[in-house]
Amino acid sequence: MKRLALILSLFTVHFVVAGAWALDTAAISNNVDTIVAGIDNGQDITTFKSDAYEPYAFIMEEQGKMLVHPTLIGKSLKETAPPVYDALMQASPEGTWVKYEWQGKEKNTYAKRTKSNLIVGSGY
């Protein structure tokens, strides 16, 4: 009986964690989609604040310059973090999840292109 209770507990934890992850990914992609729609409809990029979203969102020019980011505004990912830049270049107008390593940790980012080829992303 104790073994059955343990197994049921493990399954419950697994499904709760999986459900939370699914909600987080949905929230992340929704944030990015909302930002892209705003930009595509003429909203000024300066109205977007990276820390207004959880987790933070960023906006990058196609050449790599960060326009909105908590710490990298004005810096080029193409120059400072080429593997991250290369991963983000996979962004499409439909949106896609990309994986890359940043400071020794695996990162997952939902990245999407605007009509003007800016790349908007957020992840964990």
PDB file of N, CA and C in Angstrom:
ATOM      1  N   MET A   1       0.819  -1.190   0.000  1.00  0.00           N
ATOM      2  CA  MET A   1       0.000   0.000   0.000  1.00  0.00           C
ATOM      3  C   MET A   1       0.869   1.263   0.000  1.00  0.00           C
ATOM      4  N   LYS A   2       1.948   1.240   0.786  1.00  0.00           N
ATOM      5  CA  LYS A   2       2.844   2.396   0.817  1.00  0.00           C
ATOM      6  C   LYS A   2       3.484   2.618  -0.543  1.00  0.00           C
ATOM      7  N   ARG A   3       3.827   1.522  -1.214  1.00  0.00           N
ATOM      8  CA  ARG A   3       4.444   1.620  -2.533  1.00  0.00           C
ATOM      9  C   ARG A   3       3.466   2.258  -3.522  1.00  0.00           C
ATOM     10  N   LEU A   4       2.215   1.871  -3.464  1.00  0.00           N
ATOM     11  CA  LEU A   4       1.186   2.426  -4.342  1.00  0.00           C
ATOM     12  C   LEU A   4       1.012   3.923  -4.070  1.00  0.00           C
ATOM     13  N   ALA A   5       1.012   4.301  -2.806  1.00  0.00           N
ATOM     14  CA  ALA A   5       0.880   5.718  -2.446  1.00  0.00           C
ATOM     15  C   ALA A   5       2.073   6.510  -2.969  1.00  0.00           C
ATOM     16  N   LEU A   6       3.265   5.943  -2.869  1.00  0.00           N
ATOM     17  CA  LEU A   6       4.463   6.605  -3.378  1.00  0.00           C
ATOM     18  C   LEU A   6       4.382   6.784  -4.886  1.00  0.00           C
ATOM     19  N   ILE A   7       3.978   5.745  -5.593  1.00  0.00           N
ATOM     20  CA  ILE A   7       3.864   5.818  -7.054  1.00  0.00           C
ATOM     21  C   ILE A   7       2.833   6.868  -7.455  1.00  0.00           C
ATOM     22  N   LEU A   8       1.698   6.877  -6.776  1.00  0.00           N
ATOM     23  CA  LEU A   8       0.667   7.880  -7.076  1.00  0.00           C
ATOM     24  C   LEU A   8       1.171   9.294  -6.794  1.00  0.00           C
ATOM     25  N   SER A   9       1.927   9.459  -5.728  1.00  0.00           N
ATOM     26  CA  SER A   9       2.500  10.763  -5.398  1.00  0.00           C
ATOM     27  C   SER A   9       3.457  11.228  -6.488  1.00  0.00           C
ATOM     28  N   LEU A  10       4.303  10.324  -6.956  1.00  0.00           N
ATOM     29  CA  LEU A  10       5.253  10.671  -8.016  1.00  0.00           C
ATOM     30  C   LEU A  10       4.535  11.064  -9.299  1.00  0.00           C
ATOM     31  N   PHE A  11       3.485  10.326  -9.655  1.00  0.00           N
ATOM     32  CA  PHE A  11       2.710  10.679 -10.845  1.00  0.00           C
ATOM     33  C   PHE A  11       2.063  12.049 -10.692  1.00  0.00           C
ATOM     34  N   THR A  12       1.548  12.327  -9.513  1.00  0.00           N
ATOM     35  CA  THR A  12       0.905  13.615  -9.261  1.00  0.00           C
ATOM     36  C   THR A  12       1.905  14.751  -9.418  1.00  0.00           C
ATOM     37  N   VAL A  13       3.069  14.601  -8.821  1.00  0.00           N
ATOM     38  CA  VAL A  13       4.112  15.621  -8.947  1.00  0.00           C
ATOM     39  C   VAL A  13       4.491  15.806 -10.413  1.00  0.00           C
ATOM     40  N   HIS A  14       4.665  14.709 -11.132  1.00  0.00           N
ATOM     41  CA  HIS A  14       5.025  14.782 -12.547  1.00  0.00           C
ATOM     42  C   HIS A  14       3.989  15.581 -13.339  1.00  0.00           C
ATOM     43  N   PHE A  15       2.715  15.291 -13.131  1.00  0.00           N
ATOM     44  CA  PHE A  15       1.675  15.969 -13.903  1.00  0.00           C
ATOM     45  C   PHE A  15       1.537  17.436 -13.504  1.00  0.00           C
ATOM     46  N   VAL A  16       1.735  17.751 -12.242  1.00  0.00           N
ATOM     47  CA  VAL A  16       1.690  19.145 -11.809  1.00  0.00           C
ATOM     48  C   VAL A  16       2.832  19.921 -12.437  1.00  0.00           C
ATOM     49  N   VAL A  17       4.027  19.363 -12.407  1.00  0.00           N
ATOM     50  CA  VAL A  17       5.187  20.028 -13.005  1.00  0.00           C
ATOM     51  C   VAL A  17       5.000  20.159 -14.511  1.00  0.00           C
ATOM     52  N   ALA A  18       4.557  19.099 -15.172  1.00  0.00           N
ATOM     53  CA  ALA A  18       4.327  19.147 -16.619  1.00  0.00           C
ATOM     54  C   ALA A  18       3.261  20.175 -16.958  1.00  0.00           C
ATOM     55  N   GLY A  19       2.222  20.248 -16.159  1.00  0.00           N
ATOM     56  CA  GLY A  19       1.168  21.233 -16.397  1.00  0.00           C
ATOM     57  C   GLY A  19       1.666  22.651 -16.216  1.00  0.00           C
ATOM     58  N   ALA A  20       2.479  22.885 -15.193  1.00  0.00           N
ATOM     59  CA  ALA A  20       3.047  24.218 -14.978  1.00  0.00           C
ATOM     60  C   ALA A  20       3.959  24.605 -16.128  1.00  0.00           C
ATOM     61  N   TRP A  21       4.757  23.655 -16.622  1.00  0.00           N
ATOM     62  CA  TRP A  21       5.635  23.933 -17.752  1.00  0.00           C
ATOM     63  C   TRP A  21       4.818  24.312 -18.978  1.00  0.00           C
ATOM     64  N   ALA A  22       3.726  23.581 -19.221  1.00  0.00           N
ATOM     65  CA  ALA A  22       2.878  23.866 -20.376  1.00  0.00           C
ATOM     66  C   ALA A  22       2.269  25.254 -20.258  1.00  0.00           C
ATOM     67  N   LEU A  23       1.840  25.641 -19.050  1.00  0.00           N
ATOM     68  CA  LEU A  23       1.291  26.975 -18.861  1.00  0.00           C
ATOM     69  C   LEU A  23       2.353  28.033 -19.076  1.00  0.00           C
ATOM     70  N   ASP A  24       3.557  27.797 -18.580  1.00  0.00           N
ATOM     71  CA  ASP A  24       4.638  28.758 -18.758  1.00  0.00           C
ATOM     72  C   ASP A  24       4.967  28.944 -20.234  1.00  0.00           C
ATOM     73  N   THR A  25       5.058  27.858 -20.990  1.00  0.00           N
ATOM     74  CA  THR A  25       5.387  27.983 -22.409  1.00  0.00           C
ATOM     75  C   THR A  25       4.263  28.696 -23.146  1.00  0.00           C
ATOM     76  N   ALA A  26       3.025  28.446 -22.761  1.00  0.00           N
ATOM     77  CA  ALA A  26       1.899  29.141 -23.388  1.00  0.00           C
ATOM     78  C   ALA A  26       1.949  30.632 -23.065  1.00  0.00           C
ATOM     79  N   ALA A  27       2.269  30.977 -21.825  1.00  0.00           N
ATOM     80  CA  ALA A  27       2.364  32.386 -21.430  1.00  0.00           C
ATOM     81  C   ALA A  27       3.510  33.072 -22.159  1.00  0.00           C
ATOM     82  N   ILE A  28       4.643  32.376 -22.272  1.00  0.00           N
ATOM     83  CA  ILE A  28       5.801  32.942 -22.971  1.00  0.00           C
ATOM     84  C   ILE A  28       5.462  33.212 -24.428  1.00  0.00           C
ATOM     85  N   SER A  29       4.909  32.219 -25.114  1.00  0.00           N
ATOM     86  CA  SER A  29       4.593  32.425 -26.527  1.00  0.00           C
ATOM     87  C   SER A  29       3.517  33.493 -26.692  1.00  0.00           C
ATOM     88  N   ASN A  30       2.564  33.573 -25.770  1.00  0.00           N
ATOM     89  CA  ASN A  30       1.537  34.611 -25.835  1.00  0.00           C
ATOM     90  C   ASN A  30       2.159  36.004 -25.679  1.00  0.00           C
ATOM     91  N   ASN A  31       3.100  36.156 -24.745  1.00  0.00           N
ATOM     92  CA  ASN A  31       3.768  37.449 -24.569  1.00  0.00           C
ATOM     93  C   ASN A  31       4.482  37.866 -25.857  1.00  0.00           C
ATOM     94  N   VAL A  32       5.229  36.945 -26.438  1.00  0.00           N
ATOM     95  CA  VAL A  32       5.972  37.247 -27.666  1.00  0.00           C
ATOM     96  C   VAL A  32       4.997  37.578 -28.803  1.00  0.00           C
ATOM     97  N   ASP A  33       3.954  36.775 -28.952  1.00  0.00           N
ATOM     98  CA  ASP A  33       2.966  37.026 -30.004  1.00  0.00           C
ATOM     99  C   ASP A  33       2.328  38.405 -29.849  1.00  0.00           C
ATOM    100  N   THR A  34       2.041  38.800 -28.605  1.00  0.00           N
ATOM    101  CA  THR A  34       1.434  40.101 -28.328  1.00  0.00           C
ATOM    102  C   THR A  34       2.391  41.234 -28.704  1.00  0.00           C
ATOM    103  N   ILE A  35       3.664  41.084 -28.357  1.00  0.00           N
ATOM    104  CA  ILE A  35       4.652  42.113 -28.698  1.00  0.00           C
ATOM    105  C   ILE A  35       4.794  42.233 -30.209  1.00  0.00           C
ATOM    106  N   VAL A  36       4.909  41.099 -30.899  1.00  0.00           N
ATOM    107  CA  VAL A  36       5.047  41.110 -32.358  1.00  0.00           C
ATOM    108  C   VAL A  36       3.827  41.782 -32.996  1.00  0.00           C
ATOM    109  N   ALA A  37       2.631  41.435 -32.523  1.00  0.00           N
ATOM    110  CA  ALA A  37       1.416  42.049 -33.076  1.00  0.00           C
ATOM    111  C   ALA A  37       1.436  43.557 -32.866  1.00  0.00           C
ATOM    112  N   GLY A  38       1.873  43.991 -31.698  1.00  0.00           N
ATOM    113  CA  GLY A  38       1.966  45.428 -31.430  1.00  0.00           C
ATOM    114  C   GLY A  38       2.924  46.122 -32.381  1.00  0.00           C
ATOM    115  N   ILE A  39       4.101  45.546 -32.559  1.00  0.00           N
ATOM    116  CA  ILE A  39       5.092  46.135 -33.471  1.00  0.00           C
ATOM    117  C   ILE A  39       4.554  46.134 -34.895  1.00  0.00           C
ATOM    118  N   ASP A  40       3.970  45.012 -35.312  1.00  0.00           N
ATOM    119  CA  ASP A  40       3.435  44.921 -36.672  1.00  0.00           C
ATOM    120  C   ASP A  40       2.290  45.907 -36.917  1.00  0.00           C
ATOM    121  N   ASN A  41       1.625  46.307 -35.846  1.00  0.00           N
ATOM    122  CA  ASN A  41       0.527  47.276 -35.969  1.00  0.00           C
ATOM    123  C   ASN A  41       0.964  48.709 -35.691  1.00  0.00           C
ATOM    124  N   GLY A  42       2.290  48.936 -35.640  1.00  0.00           N
ATOM    125  CA  GLY A  42       2.805  50.296 -35.540  1.00  0.00           C
ATOM    126  C   GLY A  42       3.188  50.783 -34.161  1.00  0.00           C
ATOM    127  N   GLN A  43       3.096  49.945 -33.155  1.00  0.00           N
ATOM    128  CA  GLN A  43       3.484  50.378 -31.813  1.00  0.00           C
ATOM    129  C   GLN A  43       4.981  50.634 -31.771  1.00  0.00           C
ATOM    130  N   ASP A  44       5.377  51.741 -31.168  1.00  0.00           N
ATOM    131  CA  ASP A  44       6.782  52.112 -31.068  1.00  0.00           C
ATOM    132  C   ASP A  44       7.530  51.130 -30.170  1.00  0.00           C
ATOM    133  N   ILE A  45       8.682  50.696 -30.609  1.00  0.00           N
ATOM    134  CA  ILE A  45       9.482  49.709 -29.856  1.00  0.00           C
ATOM    135  C   ILE A  45       9.842  50.219 -28.467  1.00  0.00           C
ATOM    136  N   THR A  46      10.018  51.521 -28.325  1.00  0.00           N
ATOM    137  CA  THR A  46      10.422  52.071 -27.028  1.00  0.00           C
ATOM    138  C   THR A  46       9.331  51.925 -25.970  1.00  0.00           C
ATOM    139  N   THR A  47       8.119  51.570 -26.382  1.00  0.00           N
ATOM    140  CA  THR A  47       7.043  51.374 -25.392  1.00  0.00           C
ATOM    141  C   THR A  47       7.126  50.010 -24.718  1.00  0.00           C
ATOM    142  N   PHE A  48       7.954  49.116 -25.265  1.00  0.00           N
ATOM    143  CA  PHE A  48       8.095  47.785 -24.681  1.00  0.00           C
ATOM    144  C   PHE A  48       9.231  47.779 -23.667  1.00  0.00           C
ATOM    145  N   LYS A  49       8.955  47.277 -22.491  1.00  0.00           N
ATOM    146  CA  LYS A  49       9.954  47.157 -21.425  1.00  0.00           C
ATOM    147  C   LYS A  49      10.181  45.674 -21.157  1.00  0.00           C
ATOM    148  N   SER A  50      11.424  45.265 -21.197  1.00  0.00           N
ATOM    149  CA  SER A  50      11.736  43.837 -21.060  1.00  0.00           C
ATOM    150  C   SER A  50      11.216  43.235 -19.765  1.00  0.00           C
ATOM    151  N   ASP A  51      11.267  44.002 -18.684  1.00  0.00           N
ATOM    152  CA  ASP A  51      10.870  43.454 -17.386  1.00  0.00           C
ATOM    153  C   ASP A  51       9.362  43.530 -17.143  1.00  0.00           C
ATOM    154  N   ALA A  52       8.604  43.968 -18.131  1.00  0.00           N
ATOM    155  CA  ALA A  52       7.146  43.976 -18.013  1.00  0.00           C
ATOM    156  C   ALA A  52       6.573  42.575 -18.232  1.00  0.00           C
ATOM    157  N   TYR A  53       7.441  41.650 -18.586  1.00  0.00           N
ATOM    158  CA  TYR A  53       7.024  40.285 -18.896  1.00  0.00           C
ATOM    159  C   TYR A  53       7.774  39.305 -18.007  1.00  0.00           C
ATOM    160  N   GLU A  54       7.128  38.188 -17.714  1.00  0.00           N
ATOM    161  CA  GLU A  54       7.756  37.146 -16.900  1.00  0.00           C
ATOM    162  C   GLU A  54       7.747  35.846 -17.685  1.00  0.00           C
ATOM    163  N   PRO A  55       8.883  35.312 -18.070  1.00  0.00           N
ATOM    164  CA  PRO A  55      10.211  35.921 -17.955  1.00  0.00           C
ATOM    165  C   PRO A  55      10.360  37.096 -18.925  1.00  0.00           C
ATOM    166  N   TYR A  56      11.446  37.836 -18.764  1.00  0.00           N
ATOM    167  CA  TYR A  56      11.632  39.043 -19.566  1.00  0.00           C
ATOM    168  C   TYR A  56      11.576  38.728 -21.056  1.00  0.00           C
ATOM    169  N   ALA A  57      11.247  39.732 -21.825  1.00  0.00           N
ATOM    170  CA  ALA A  57      11.215  39.618 -23.286  1.00  0.00           C
ATOM    171  C   ALA A  57      12.326  40.494 -23.858  1.00  0.00           C
ATOM    172  N   PHE A  58      12.737  40.197 -25.077  1.00  0.00           N
ATOM    173  CA  PHE A  58      13.744  41.022 -25.740  1.00  0.00           C
ATOM    174  C   PHE A  58      13.342  41.261 -27.190  1.00  0.00           C
ATOM    175  N   ILE A  59      13.895  42.330 -27.750  1.00  0.00           N
ATOM    176  CA  ILE A  59      13.716  42.646 -29.162  1.00  0.00           C
ATOM    177  C   ILE A  59      15.096  42.881 -29.742  1.00  0.00           C
ATOM    178  N   MET A  60      15.381  42.207 -30.839  1.00  0.00           N
ATOM    179  CA  MET A  60      16.708  42.267 -31.458  1.00  0.00           C
ATOM    180  C   MET A  60      16.573  42.565 -32.950  1.00  0.00           C
ATOM    181  N   GLU A  61      17.478  43.415 -33.447  1.00  0.00           N
ATOM    182  CA  GLU A  61      17.558  43.613 -34.889  1.00  0.00           C
ATOM    183  C   GLU A  61      18.111  42.357 -35.535  1.00  0.00           C
ATOM    184  N   GLU A  62      17.814  42.151 -36.800  1.00  0.00           N
ATOM    185  CA  GLU A  62      18.287  40.963 -37.506  1.00  0.00           C
ATOM    186  C   GLU A  62      19.815  40.864 -37.504  1.00  0.00           C
ATOM    187  N   GLN A  63      20.502  41.986 -37.465  1.00  0.00           N
ATOM    188  CA  GLN A  63      21.966  41.982 -37.454  1.00  0.00           C
ATOM    189  C   GLN A  63      22.537  41.694 -36.065  1.00  0.00           C
ATOM    190  N   GLY A  64      21.672  41.564 -35.051  1.00  0.00           N
ATOM    191  CA  GLY A  64      22.127  41.162 -33.727  1.00  0.00           C
ATOM    192  C   GLY A  64      22.059  42.205 -32.638  1.00  0.00           C
ATOM    193  N   LYS A  65      21.825  43.467 -32.976  1.00  0.00           N
ATOM    194  CA  LYS A  65      21.789  44.523 -31.961  1.00  0.00           C
ATOM    195  C   LYS A  65      20.526  44.400 -31.111  1.00  0.00           C
ATOM    196  N   MET A  66      20.720  44.385 -29.789  1.00  0.00           N
ATOM    197  CA  MET A  66      19.602  44.285 -28.853  1.00  0.00           C
ATOM    198  C   MET A  66      18.973  45.667 -28.657  1.00  0.00           C
ATOM    199  N   LEU A  67      17.676  45.753 -28.941  1.00  0.00           N
ATOM    200  CA  LEU A  67      16.939  47.005 -28.787  1.00  0.00           C
ATOM    201  C   LEU A  67      16.200  47.071 -27.461  1.00  0.00           C
ATOM    202  N   VAL A  68      15.738  45.929 -27.002  1.00  0.00           N
ATOM    203  CA  VAL A  68      15.054  45.818 -25.710  1.00  0.00           C
ATOM    204  C   VAL A  68      15.608  44.575 -25.027  1.00  0.00           C
ATOM    205  N   HIS A  69      16.148  44.756 -23.837  1.00  0.00           N
ATOM    206  CA  HIS A  69      16.729  43.668 -23.047  1.00  0.00           C
ATOM    207  C   HIS A  69      17.075  44.235 -21.672  1.00  0.00           C
ATOM    208  N   PRO A  70      17.034  43.426 -20.615  1.00  0.00           N
ATOM    209  CA  PRO A  70      17.352  43.959 -19.285  1.00  0.00           C
ATOM    210  C   PRO A  70      18.776  44.493 -19.146  1.00  0.00           C
ATOM    211  N   THR A  71      19.761  43.883 -19.830  1.00  0.00           N
ATOM    212  CA  THR A  71      21.156  44.291 -19.618  1.00  0.00           C
ATOM    213  C   THR A  71      21.972  44.474 -20.897  1.00  0.00           C
ATOM    214  N   LEU A  72      21.442  44.093 -22.038  1.00  0.00           N
ATOM    215  CA  LEU A  72      22.249  44.089 -23.264  1.00  0.00           C
ATOM    216  C   LEU A  72      21.818  45.111 -24.321  1.00  0.00           C
ATOM    217  N   ILE A  73      21.055  46.125 -23.948  1.00  0.00           N
ATOM    218  CA  ILE A  73      20.600  47.121 -24.921  1.00  0.00           C
ATOM    219  C   ILE A  73      21.810  47.746 -25.611  1.00  0.00           C
ATOM    220  N   GLY A  74      21.753  47.773 -26.946  1.00  0.00           N
ATOM    221  CA  GLY A  74      22.816  48.366 -27.744  1.00  0.00           C
ATOM    222  C   GLY A  74      23.956  47.424 -28.069  1.00  0.00           C
ATOM    223  N   LYS A  75      23.996  46.277 -27.426  1.00  0.00           N
ATOM    224  CA  LYS A  75      25.067  45.309 -27.694  1.00  0.00           C
ATOM    225  C   LYS A  75      24.640  44.342 -28.789  1.00  0.00           C
ATOM    226  N   SER A  76      25.616  43.795 -29.482  1.00  0.00           N
ATOM    227  CA  SER A  76      25.341  42.869 -30.570  1.00  0.00           C
ATOM    228  C   SER A  76      25.567  41.428 -30.120  1.00  0.00           C
ATOM    229  N   LEU A  77      24.512  40.624 -30.192  1.00  0.00           N
ATOM    230  CA  LEU A  77      24.669  39.202 -29.890  1.00  0.00           C
ATOM    231  C   LEU A  77      25.519  38.514 -30.945  1.00  0.00           C
ATOM    232  N   LYS A  78      25.481  39.034 -32.148  1.00  0.00           N
ATOM    233  CA  LYS A  78      26.284  38.442 -33.222  1.00  0.00           C
ATOM    234  C   LYS A  78      27.769  38.504 -32.859  1.00  0.00           C
ATOM    235  N   GLU A  79      28.167  39.572 -32.183  1.00  0.00           N
ATOM    236  CA  GLU A  79      29.570  39.750 -31.783  1.00  0.00           C
ATOM    237  C   GLU A  79      29.879  39.139 -30.417  1.00  0.00           C
ATOM    238  N   THR A  80      28.961  39.276 -29.463  1.00  0.00           N
ATOM    239  CA  THR A  80      29.258  38.853 -28.093  1.00  0.00           C
ATOM    240  C   THR A  80      28.853  37.417 -27.771  1.00  0.00           C
ATOM    241  N   ALA A  81      27.874  36.889 -28.510  1.00  0.00           N
ATOM    242  CA  ALA A  81      27.391  35.527 -28.239  1.00  0.00           C
ATOM    243  C   ALA A  81      26.935  34.879 -29.544  1.00  0.00           C
ATOM    244  N   PRO A  82      27.871  34.590 -30.448  1.00  0.00           N
ATOM    245  CA  PRO A  82      27.496  34.046 -31.761  1.00  0.00           C
ATOM    246  C   PRO A  82      26.600  32.804 -31.722  1.00  0.00           C
ATOM    247  N   PRO A  83      26.802  31.833 -30.826  1.00  0.00           N
ATOM    248  CA  PRO A  83      25.896  30.677 -30.817  1.00  0.00           C
ATOM    249  C   PRO A  83      24.450  31.047 -30.471  1.00  0.00           C
ATOM    250  N   VAL A  84      24.282  32.008 -29.581  1.00  0.00           N
ATOM    251  CA  VAL A  84      22.937  32.467 -29.226  1.00  0.00           C
ATOM    252  C   VAL A  84      22.320  33.185 -30.426  1.00  0.00           C
ATOM    253  N   TYR A  85      23.090  34.061 -31.035  1.00  0.00           N
ATOM    254  CA  TYR A  85      22.624  34.772 -32.230  1.00  0.00           C
ATOM    255  C   TYR A  85      22.209  33.774 -33.320  1.00  0.00           C
ATOM    256  N   ASP A  86      23.049  32.784 -33.567  1.00  0.00           N
ATOM    257  CA  ASP A  86      22.741  31.786 -34.604  1.00  0.00           C
ATOM    258  C   ASP A  86      21.437  31.048 -34.295  1.00  0.00           C
ATOM    259  N   ALA A  87      21.227  30.703 -33.042  1.00  0.00           N
ATOM    260  CA  ALA A  87      19.989  30.018 -32.661  1.00  0.00           C
ATOM    261  C   ALA A  87      18.777  30.925 -32.895  1.00  0.00           C
ATOM    262  N   LEU A  88      18.894  32.187 -32.500  1.00  0.00           N
ATOM    263  CA  LEU A  88      17.772  33.115 -32.649  1.00  0.00           C
ATOM    264  C   LEU A  88      17.466  33.433 -34.103  1.00  0.00           C
ATOM    265  N   MET A  89      18.421  33.253 -34.982  1.00  0.00           N
ATOM    266  CA  MET A  89      18.187  33.494 -36.405  1.00  0.00           C
ATOM    267  C   MET A  89      17.222  32.464 -36.993  1.00  0.00           C
ATOM    268  N   GLN A  90      16.912  31.417 -36.254  1.00  0.00           N
ATOM    269  CA  GLN A  90      15.925  30.432 -36.694  1.00  0.00           C
ATOM    270  C   GLN A  90      14.496  30.953 -36.532  1.00  0.00           C
ATOM    271  N   ALA A  91      14.350  32.117 -35.890  1.00  0.00           N
ATOM    272  CA  ALA A  91      13.017  32.685 -35.678  1.00  0.00           C
ATOM    273  C   ALA A  91      12.301  32.837 -37.010  1.00  0.00           C
ATOM    274  N   SER A  92      11.004  32.597 -36.975  1.00  0.00           N
ATOM    275  CA  SER A  92      10.179  32.714 -38.178  1.00  0.00           C
ATOM    276  C   SER A  92       8.984  33.620 -37.880  1.00  0.00           C
ATOM    277  N   PRO A  93       8.277  34.060 -38.904  1.00  0.00           N
ATOM    278  CA  PRO A  93       7.065  34.860 -38.669  1.00  0.00           C
ATOM    279  C   PRO A  93       5.987  34.078 -37.906  1.00  0.00           C
ATOM    280  N   GLU A  94       6.043  32.761 -37.980  1.00  0.00           N
ATOM    281  CA  GLU A  94       5.072  31.926 -37.263  1.00  0.00           C
ATOM    282  C   GLU A  94       5.485  31.704 -35.815  1.00  0.00           C
ATOM    283  N   GLY A  95       6.763  31.892 -35.503  1.00  0.00           N
ATOM    284  CA  GLY A  95       7.295  31.647 -34.169  1.00  0.00           C
ATOM    285  C   GLY A  95       7.834  30.239 -34.043  1.00  0.00           C
ATOM    286  N   THR A  96       8.924  30.093 -33.317  1.00  0.00           N
ATOM    287  CA  THR A  96       9.529  28.782 -33.121  1.00  0.00           C
ATOM    288  C   THR A  96      10.285  28.759 -31.793  1.00  0.00           C
ATOM    289  N   TRP A  97      10.379  27.572 -31.213  1.00  0.00           N
ATOM    290  CA  TRP A  97      11.192  27.385 -30.014  1.00  0.00           C
ATOM    291  C   TRP A  97      12.599  27.015 -30.447  1.00  0.00           C
ATOM    292  N   VAL A  98      13.591  27.682 -29.863  1.00  0.00           N
ATOM    293  CA  VAL A  98      14.988  27.366 -30.161  1.00  0.00           C
ATOM    294  C   VAL A  98      15.709  27.051 -28.858  1.00  0.00           C
ATOM    295  N   LYS A  99      16.731  26.208 -28.960  1.00  0.00           N
ATOM    296  CA  LYS A  99      17.554  25.842 -27.804  1.00  0.00           C
ATOM    297  C   LYS A  99      18.980  26.287 -28.062  1.00  0.00           C
ATOM    298  N   TYR A 100      19.648  26.716 -26.998  1.00  0.00           N
ATOM    299  CA  TYR A 100      21.049  27.105 -27.085  1.00  0.00           C
ATOM    300  C   TYR A 100      21.634  27.095 -25.679  1.00  0.00           C
ATOM    301  N   GLU A 101      22.921  27.196 -25.609  1.00  0.00           N
ATOM    302  CA  GLU A 101      23.592  27.248 -24.309  1.00  0.00           C
ATOM    303  C   GLU A 101      24.019  28.680 -24.035  1.00  0.00           C
ATOM    304  N   TRP A 102      23.746  29.135 -22.819  1.00  0.00           N
ATOM    305  CA  TRP A 102      24.135  30.480 -22.407  1.00  0.00           C
ATOM    306  C   TRP A 102      24.712  30.395 -21.004  1.00  0.00           C
ATOM    307  N   GLN A 103      25.963  30.782 -20.877  1.00  0.00           N
ATOM    308  CA  GLN A 103      26.674  30.764 -19.597  1.00  0.00           C
ATOM    309  C   GLN A 103      26.573  29.400 -18.919  1.00  0.00           C
ATOM    310  N   GLY A 104      26.765  28.344 -19.723  1.00  0.00           N
ATOM    311  CA  GLY A 104      26.802  26.988 -19.219  1.00  0.00           C
ATOM    312  C   GLY A 104      25.447  26.346 -18.947  1.00  0.00           C
ATOM    313  N   LYS A 105      24.366  27.026 -19.290  1.00  0.00           N
ATOM    314  CA  LYS A 105      23.025  26.485 -19.046  1.00  0.00           C
ATOM    315  C   LYS A 105      22.255  26.389 -20.354  1.00  0.00           C
ATOM    316  N   GLU A 106      21.444  25.324 -20.475  1.00  0.00           N
ATOM    317  CA  GLU A 106      20.590  25.202 -21.651  1.00  0.00           C
ATOM    318  C   GLU A 106      19.421  26.166 -21.524  1.00  0.00           C
ATOM    319  N   LYS A 107      19.176  26.900 -22.589  1.00  0.00           N
ATOM    320  CA  LYS A 107      18.079  27.858 -22.634  1.00  0.00           C
ATOM    321  C   LYS A 107      17.107  27.468 -23.729  1.00  0.00           C
ATOM    322  N   ASN A 108      15.844  27.759 -23.500  1.00  0.00           N
ATOM    323  CA  ASN A 108      14.769  27.519 -24.455  1.00  0.00           C
ATOM    324  C   ASN A 108      14.060  28.850 -24.659  1.00  0.00           C
ATOM    325  N   THR A 109      14.030  29.306 -25.890  1.00  0.00           N
ATOM    326  CA  THR A 109      13.453  30.609 -26.195  1.00  0.00           C
ATOM    327  C   THR A 109      12.443  30.495 -27.321  1.00  0.00           C
ATOM    328  N   TYR A 110      11.301  31.125 -27.115  1.00  0.00           N
ATOM    329  CA  TYR A 110      10.324  31.251 -28.183  1.00  0.00           C
ATOM    330  C   TYR A 110      10.676  32.535 -28.919  1.00  0.00           C
ATOM    331  N   ALA A 111      10.974  32.421 -30.193  1.00  0.00           N
ATOM    332  CA  ALA A 111      11.412  33.568 -30.986  1.00  0.00           C
ATOM    333  C   ALA A 111      10.519  33.709 -32.213  1.00  0.00           C
ATOM    334  N   LYS A 112      10.204  34.958 -32.517  1.00  0.00           N
ATOM    335  CA  LYS A 112       9.299  35.226 -33.633  1.00  0.00           C
ATOM    336  C   LYS A 112       9.740  36.511 -34.331  1.00  0.00           C
ATOM    337  N   ARG A 113       9.625  36.522 -35.652  1.00  0.00           N
ATOM    338  CA  ARG A 113       9.982  37.698 -36.443  1.00  0.00           C
ATOM    339  C   ARG A 113       8.774  38.598 -36.663  1.00  0.00           C
ATOM    340  N   THR A 114       9.058  39.892 -36.645  1.00  0.00           N
ATOM    341  CA  THR A 114       8.037  40.865 -37.011  1.00  0.00           C
ATOM    342  C   THR A 114       8.059  41.028 -38.530  1.00  0.00           C
ATOM    343  N   LYS A 115       7.106  41.785 -39.055  1.00  0.00           N
ATOM    344  CA  LYS A 115       7.075  42.058 -40.497  1.00  0.00           C
ATOM    345  C   LYS A 115       8.337  42.788 -40.949  1.00  0.00           C
ATOM    346  N   SER A 116       8.939  43.562 -40.055  1.00  0.00           N
ATOM    347  CA  SER A 116      10.161  44.313 -40.383  1.00  0.00           C
ATOM    348  C   SER A 116      11.428  43.540 -40.032  1.00  0.00           C
ATOM    349  N   ASN A 117      11.304  42.233 -39.751  1.00  0.00           N
ATOM    350  CA  ASN A 117      12.418  41.334 -39.450  1.00  0.00           C
ATOM    351  C   ASN A 117      13.117  41.571 -38.125  1.00  0.00           C
ATOM    352  N   LEU A 118      12.455  42.249 -37.196  1.00  0.00           N
ATOM    353  CA  LEU A 118      12.975  42.273 -35.826  1.00  0.00           C
ATOM    354  C   LEU A 118      12.689  40.901 -35.232  1.00  0.00           C
ATOM    355  N   ILE A 119      13.493  40.497 -34.280  1.00  0.00           N
ATOM    356  CA  ILE A 119      13.289  39.213 -33.621  1.00  0.00           C
ATOM    357  C   ILE A 119      12.885  39.501 -32.172  1.00  0.00           C
ATOM    358  N   VAL A 120      11.729  38.957 -31.807  1.00  0.00           N
ATOM    359  CA  VAL A 120      11.210  39.116 -30.457  1.00  0.00           C
ATOM    360  C   VAL A 120      11.288  37.744 -29.799  1.00  0.00           C
ATOM    361  N   GLY A 121      11.751  37.715 -28.565  1.00  0.00           N
ATOM    362  CA  GLY A 121      11.862  36.437 -27.889  1.00  0.00           C
ATOM    363  C   GLY A 121      11.697  36.533 -26.391  1.00  0.00           C
ATOM    364  N   SER A 122      11.459  35.357 -25.807  1.00  0.00           N
ATOM    365  CA  SER A 122      11.372  35.212 -24.362  1.00  0.00           C
ATOM    366  C   SER A 122      11.516  33.715 -24.081  1.00  0.00           C
ATOM    367  N   GLY A 123      12.001  33.379 -22.922  1.00  0.00           N
ATOM    368  CA  GLY A 123      12.168  31.964 -22.632  1.00  0.00           C
ATOM    369  C   GLY A 123      12.636  31.700 -21.225  1.00  0.00           C
ATOM    370  N   TYR A 124      13.170  30.519 -21.076  1.00  0.00           N
ATOM    371  CA  TYR A 124      13.627  30.071 -19.760  1.00  0.00           C
ATOM    372  C   TYR A 124      14.897  29.280 -19.897  1.00  0.00           C
TER     373      TYR A 124
END
